[in-house]
């Protein structure tokens, strides 16, 4: 099966797993997905992730989801820039999510990072998703 939007697919898998109360979810491996997950882990939205080899040259990422008092830490996970409509933001127009309580994940020329890191490094880029 061909996936047109790999980031959207990963975010949907995470949302669905949290709705079911799963502790782990597996997503196909790619460098971009791994970088987005490292930002989520750095900001404290997921417990962790590990790359697992599946056969000859297939790999999966096993994501450990994080819960607090039985409720998922990630309340809202939304894809912003889609294959049909790319959304870019400069440093001055970077979106704030829930008055700074959430984060935006950006793909910049300096790598994938959160909106706070992008402001600190004075760089803009493609807004991949927002997390709260």
C-alpha atoms as a PDB file:
ATOM      1  CA  UNK A   1       0.000   0.000   0.000  1.00  0.00           C
ATOM      2  CA  UNK A   2       1.319   3.404  -0.980  1.00  0.00           C
ATOM      3  CA  UNK A   3       1.122   6.243   1.531  1.00  0.00           C
ATOM      4  CA  UNK A   4       0.899   9.743   0.054  1.00  0.00           C
ATOM      5  CA  UNK A   5       1.402  11.566   3.357  1.00  0.00           C
ATOM      6  CA  UNK A   6       3.830   9.664   5.621  1.00  0.00           C
ATOM      7  CA  UNK A   7       3.799  12.267   8.425  1.00  0.00           C
ATOM      8  CA  UNK A   8      -0.016  12.385   8.412  1.00  0.00           C
ATOM      9  CA  UNK A   9      -0.088   8.582   8.528  1.00  0.00           C
ATOM     10  CA  UNK A  10       2.241   8.528  11.552  1.00  0.00           C
ATOM     11  CA  UNK A  11       0.211  11.181  13.398  1.00  0.00           C
ATOM     12  CA  UNK A  12      -3.008   9.258  12.714  1.00  0.00           C
ATOM     13  CA  UNK A  13      -1.472   6.034  14.041  1.00  0.00           C
ATOM     14  CA  UNK A  14      -0.435   7.843  17.233  1.00  0.00           C
ATOM     15  CA  UNK A  15      -3.906   9.404  17.657  1.00  0.00           C
ATOM     16  CA  UNK A  16      -5.647   6.060  17.094  1.00  0.00           C
ATOM     17  CA  UNK A  17      -3.347   4.211  19.506  1.00  0.00           C
ATOM     18  CA  UNK A  18      -3.971   6.798  22.218  1.00  0.00           C
ATOM     19  CA  UNK A  19      -7.737   6.557  21.719  1.00  0.00           C
ATOM     20  CA  UNK A  20      -7.453   2.802  22.323  1.00  0.00           C
ATOM     21  CA  UNK A  21      -5.141   3.254  25.338  1.00  0.00           C
ATOM     22  CA  UNK A  22      -2.200   1.404  23.781  1.00  0.00           C
ATOM     23  CA  UNK A  23       1.238   1.744  25.345  1.00  0.00           C
ATOM     24  CA  UNK A  24       3.168   1.338  22.062  1.00  0.00           C
ATOM     25  CA  UNK A  25       2.532   1.863  18.373  1.00  0.00           C
ATOM     26  CA  UNK A  26       4.631   0.855  15.346  1.00  0.00           C
ATOM     27  CA  UNK A  27       5.143   3.120  12.329  1.00  0.00           C
ATOM     28  CA  UNK A  28       7.271   2.551   9.199  1.00  0.00           C
ATOM     29  CA  UNK A  29      10.754   4.031   9.437  1.00  0.00           C
ATOM     30  CA  UNK A  30      11.989   7.154   7.680  1.00  0.00           C
ATOM     31  CA  UNK A  31      14.475   9.850   8.677  1.00  0.00           C
ATOM     32  CA  UNK A  32      11.787  12.571   8.698  1.00  0.00           C
ATOM     33  CA  UNK A  33       9.501  10.527  10.964  1.00  0.00           C
ATOM     34  CA  UNK A  34      12.432   9.814  13.267  1.00  0.00           C
ATOM     35  CA  UNK A  35      13.267  13.529  13.474  1.00  0.00           C
ATOM     36  CA  UNK A  36       9.640  14.480  14.230  1.00  0.00           C
ATOM     37  CA  UNK A  37       9.525  11.833  16.966  1.00  0.00           C
ATOM     38  CA  UNK A  38      12.776  13.122  18.475  1.00  0.00           C
ATOM     39  CA  UNK A  39      11.200  16.597  18.745  1.00  0.00           C
ATOM     40  CA  UNK A  40       8.104  15.076  20.388  1.00  0.00           C
ATOM     41  CA  UNK A  41      10.325  13.187  22.837  1.00  0.00           C
ATOM     42  CA  UNK A  42      12.431  16.260  23.581  1.00  0.00           C
ATOM     43  CA  UNK A  43       9.314  18.289  24.377  1.00  0.00           C
ATOM     44  CA  UNK A  44       7.933  15.523  26.627  1.00  0.00           C
ATOM     45  CA  UNK A  45       4.915  14.433  24.562  1.00  0.00           C
ATOM     46  CA  UNK A  46       6.046  10.802  24.110  1.00  0.00           C
ATOM     47  CA  UNK A  47       8.024   8.544  26.408  1.00  0.00           C
ATOM     48  CA  UNK A  48      10.467   7.391  23.724  1.00  0.00           C
ATOM     49  CA  UNK A  49      10.986   5.505  20.472  1.00  0.00           C
ATOM     50  CA  UNK A  50      13.266   2.834  19.053  1.00  0.00           C
ATOM     51  CA  UNK A  51      14.108   1.706  15.529  1.00  0.00           C
ATOM     52  CA  UNK A  52      13.438  -2.032  15.054  1.00  0.00           C
ATOM     53  CA  UNK A  53      14.671  -4.002  12.024  1.00  0.00           C
ATOM     54  CA  UNK A  54      11.950  -6.088  10.337  1.00  0.00           C
ATOM     55  CA  UNK A  55      13.566  -8.510   7.896  1.00  0.00           C
ATOM     56  CA  UNK A  56      16.208  -7.770   5.280  1.00  0.00           C
ATOM     57  CA  UNK A  57      15.937  -4.013   4.767  1.00  0.00           C
ATOM     58  CA  UNK A  58      12.634  -2.998   6.328  1.00  0.00           C
ATOM     59  CA  UNK A  59      12.602  -1.073   9.577  1.00  0.00           C
ATOM     60  CA  UNK A  60       9.887   0.159  11.896  1.00  0.00           C
ATOM     61  CA  UNK A  61       9.853   2.726  14.647  1.00  0.00           C
ATOM     62  CA  UNK A  62       8.262   1.582  17.888  1.00  0.00           C
ATOM     63  CA  UNK A  63       6.830   4.620  19.705  1.00  0.00           C
ATOM     64  CA  UNK A  64       6.152   4.485  23.459  1.00  0.00           C
ATOM     65  CA  UNK A  65       3.171   6.704  24.239  1.00  0.00           C
ATOM     66  CA  UNK A  66       2.947   8.775  27.391  1.00  0.00           C
ATOM     67  CA  UNK A  67      -0.050   8.987  29.728  1.00  0.00           C
ATOM     68  CA  UNK A  68      -0.736  11.074  32.852  1.00  0.00           C
ATOM     69  CA  UNK A  69      -3.431   9.881  35.294  1.00  0.00           C
ATOM     70  CA  UNK A  70      -4.807   7.575  32.602  1.00  0.00           C
ATOM     71  CA  UNK A  71      -5.234  10.374  30.037  1.00  0.00           C
ATOM     72  CA  UNK A  72      -2.921  10.785  27.019  1.00  0.00           C
ATOM     73  CA  UNK A  73      -0.364  13.594  27.313  1.00  0.00           C
ATOM     74  CA  UNK A  74      -1.051  14.572  23.682  1.00  0.00           C
ATOM     75  CA  UNK A  75      -4.521  16.108  23.682  1.00  0.00           C
ATOM     76  CA  UNK A  76      -4.487  17.343  20.100  1.00  0.00           C
ATOM     77  CA  UNK A  77      -2.243  16.338  17.199  1.00  0.00           C
ATOM     78  CA  UNK A  78      -2.959  18.110  13.933  1.00  0.00           C
ATOM     79  CA  UNK A  79      -1.283  18.029  10.510  1.00  0.00           C
ATOM     80  CA  UNK A  80      -0.837  21.565   9.118  1.00  0.00           C
ATOM     81  CA  UNK A  81       1.163  21.313   5.893  1.00  0.00           C
ATOM     82  CA  UNK A  82      -0.311  18.640   3.630  1.00  0.00           C
ATOM     83  CA  UNK A  83       0.830  17.345   0.223  1.00  0.00           C
ATOM     84  CA  UNK A  84      -1.968  19.311  -1.475  1.00  0.00           C
ATOM     85  CA  UNK A  85      -1.298  22.545   0.392  1.00  0.00           C
ATOM     86  CA  UNK A  86       2.115  23.320   1.836  1.00  0.00           C
ATOM     87  CA  UNK A  87       2.227  25.870   4.666  1.00  0.00           C
ATOM     88  CA  UNK A  88       5.397  27.881   5.249  1.00  0.00           C
ATOM     89  CA  UNK A  89       6.106  30.427   7.975  1.00  0.00           C
ATOM     90  CA  UNK A  90       8.859  32.952   8.540  1.00  0.00           C
ATOM     91  CA  UNK A  91      10.281  33.663  11.984  1.00  0.00           C
ATOM     92  CA  UNK A  92       7.883  36.591  12.441  1.00  0.00           C
ATOM     93  CA  UNK A  93       4.791  34.562  11.477  1.00  0.00           C
ATOM     94  CA  UNK A  94       5.484  31.311  13.365  1.00  0.00           C
ATOM     95  CA  UNK A  95       2.215  30.084  14.918  1.00  0.00           C
ATOM     96  CA  UNK A  96       1.792  29.829  18.685  1.00  0.00           C
ATOM     97  CA  UNK A  97      -0.255  26.849  19.839  1.00  0.00           C
ATOM     98  CA  UNK A  98      -2.625  27.394  22.779  1.00  0.00           C
ATOM     99  CA  UNK A  99      -0.787  30.529  23.903  1.00  0.00           C
ATOM    100  CA  UNK A 100       2.539  28.704  24.150  1.00  0.00           C
ATOM    101  CA  UNK A 101       1.307  25.546  25.909  1.00  0.00           C
ATOM    102  CA  UNK A 102       1.597  23.505  22.697  1.00  0.00           C
ATOM    103  CA  UNK A 103       4.264  23.361  20.011  1.00  0.00           C
ATOM    104  CA  UNK A 104       4.528  23.562  16.251  1.00  0.00           C
ATOM    105  CA  UNK A 105       6.992  21.216  14.553  1.00  0.00           C
ATOM    106  CA  UNK A 106       8.857  22.780  11.634  1.00  0.00           C
ATOM    107  CA  UNK A 107      11.052  21.471   8.865  1.00  0.00           C
ATOM    108  CA  UNK A 108      13.735  24.126   8.440  1.00  0.00           C
ATOM    109  CA  UNK A 109      17.012  24.362   6.525  1.00  0.00           C
ATOM    110  CA  UNK A 110      18.718  23.625   9.870  1.00  0.00           C
ATOM    111  CA  UNK A 111      16.661  20.457  10.459  1.00  0.00           C
ATOM    112  CA  UNK A 112      13.363  19.490  12.073  1.00  0.00           C
ATOM    113  CA  UNK A 113      12.706  21.496  15.248  1.00  0.00           C
ATOM    114  CA  UNK A 114      10.035  22.991  17.476  1.00  0.00           C
ATOM    115  CA  UNK A 115       8.786  26.545  17.041  1.00  0.00           C
ATOM    116  CA  UNK A 116      10.692  27.734  20.130  1.00  0.00           C
ATOM    117  CA  UNK A 117      13.978  26.380  18.747  1.00  0.00           C
ATOM    118  CA  UNK A 118      13.244  27.971  15.359  1.00  0.00           C
ATOM    119  CA  UNK A 119      12.678  31.358  17.020  1.00  0.00           C
ATOM    120  CA  UNK A 120      15.923  30.969  18.986  1.00  0.00           C
ATOM    121  CA  UNK A 121      17.867  30.149  15.818  1.00  0.00           C
ATOM    122  CA  UNK A 122      16.004  32.849  13.813  1.00  0.00           C
ATOM    123  CA  UNK A 123      14.873  30.475  11.063  1.00  0.00           C
ATOM    124  CA  UNK A 124      11.518  29.708   9.430  1.00  0.00           C
ATOM    125  CA  UNK A 125      10.305  26.767   7.390  1.00  0.00           C
ATOM    126  CA  UNK A 126       7.463  24.387   6.622  1.00  0.00           C
ATOM    127  CA  UNK A 127       4.989  23.908   9.490  1.00  0.00           C
ATOM    128  CA  UNK A 128       4.548  20.126   9.651  1.00  0.00           C
ATOM    129  CA  UNK A 129       2.130  19.789  12.591  1.00  0.00           C
ATOM    130  CA  UNK A 130       0.902  21.266  15.847  1.00  0.00           C
ATOM    131  CA  UNK A 131       0.811  19.401  19.156  1.00  0.00           C
ATOM    132  CA  UNK A 132      -1.007  20.226  22.364  1.00  0.00           C
END
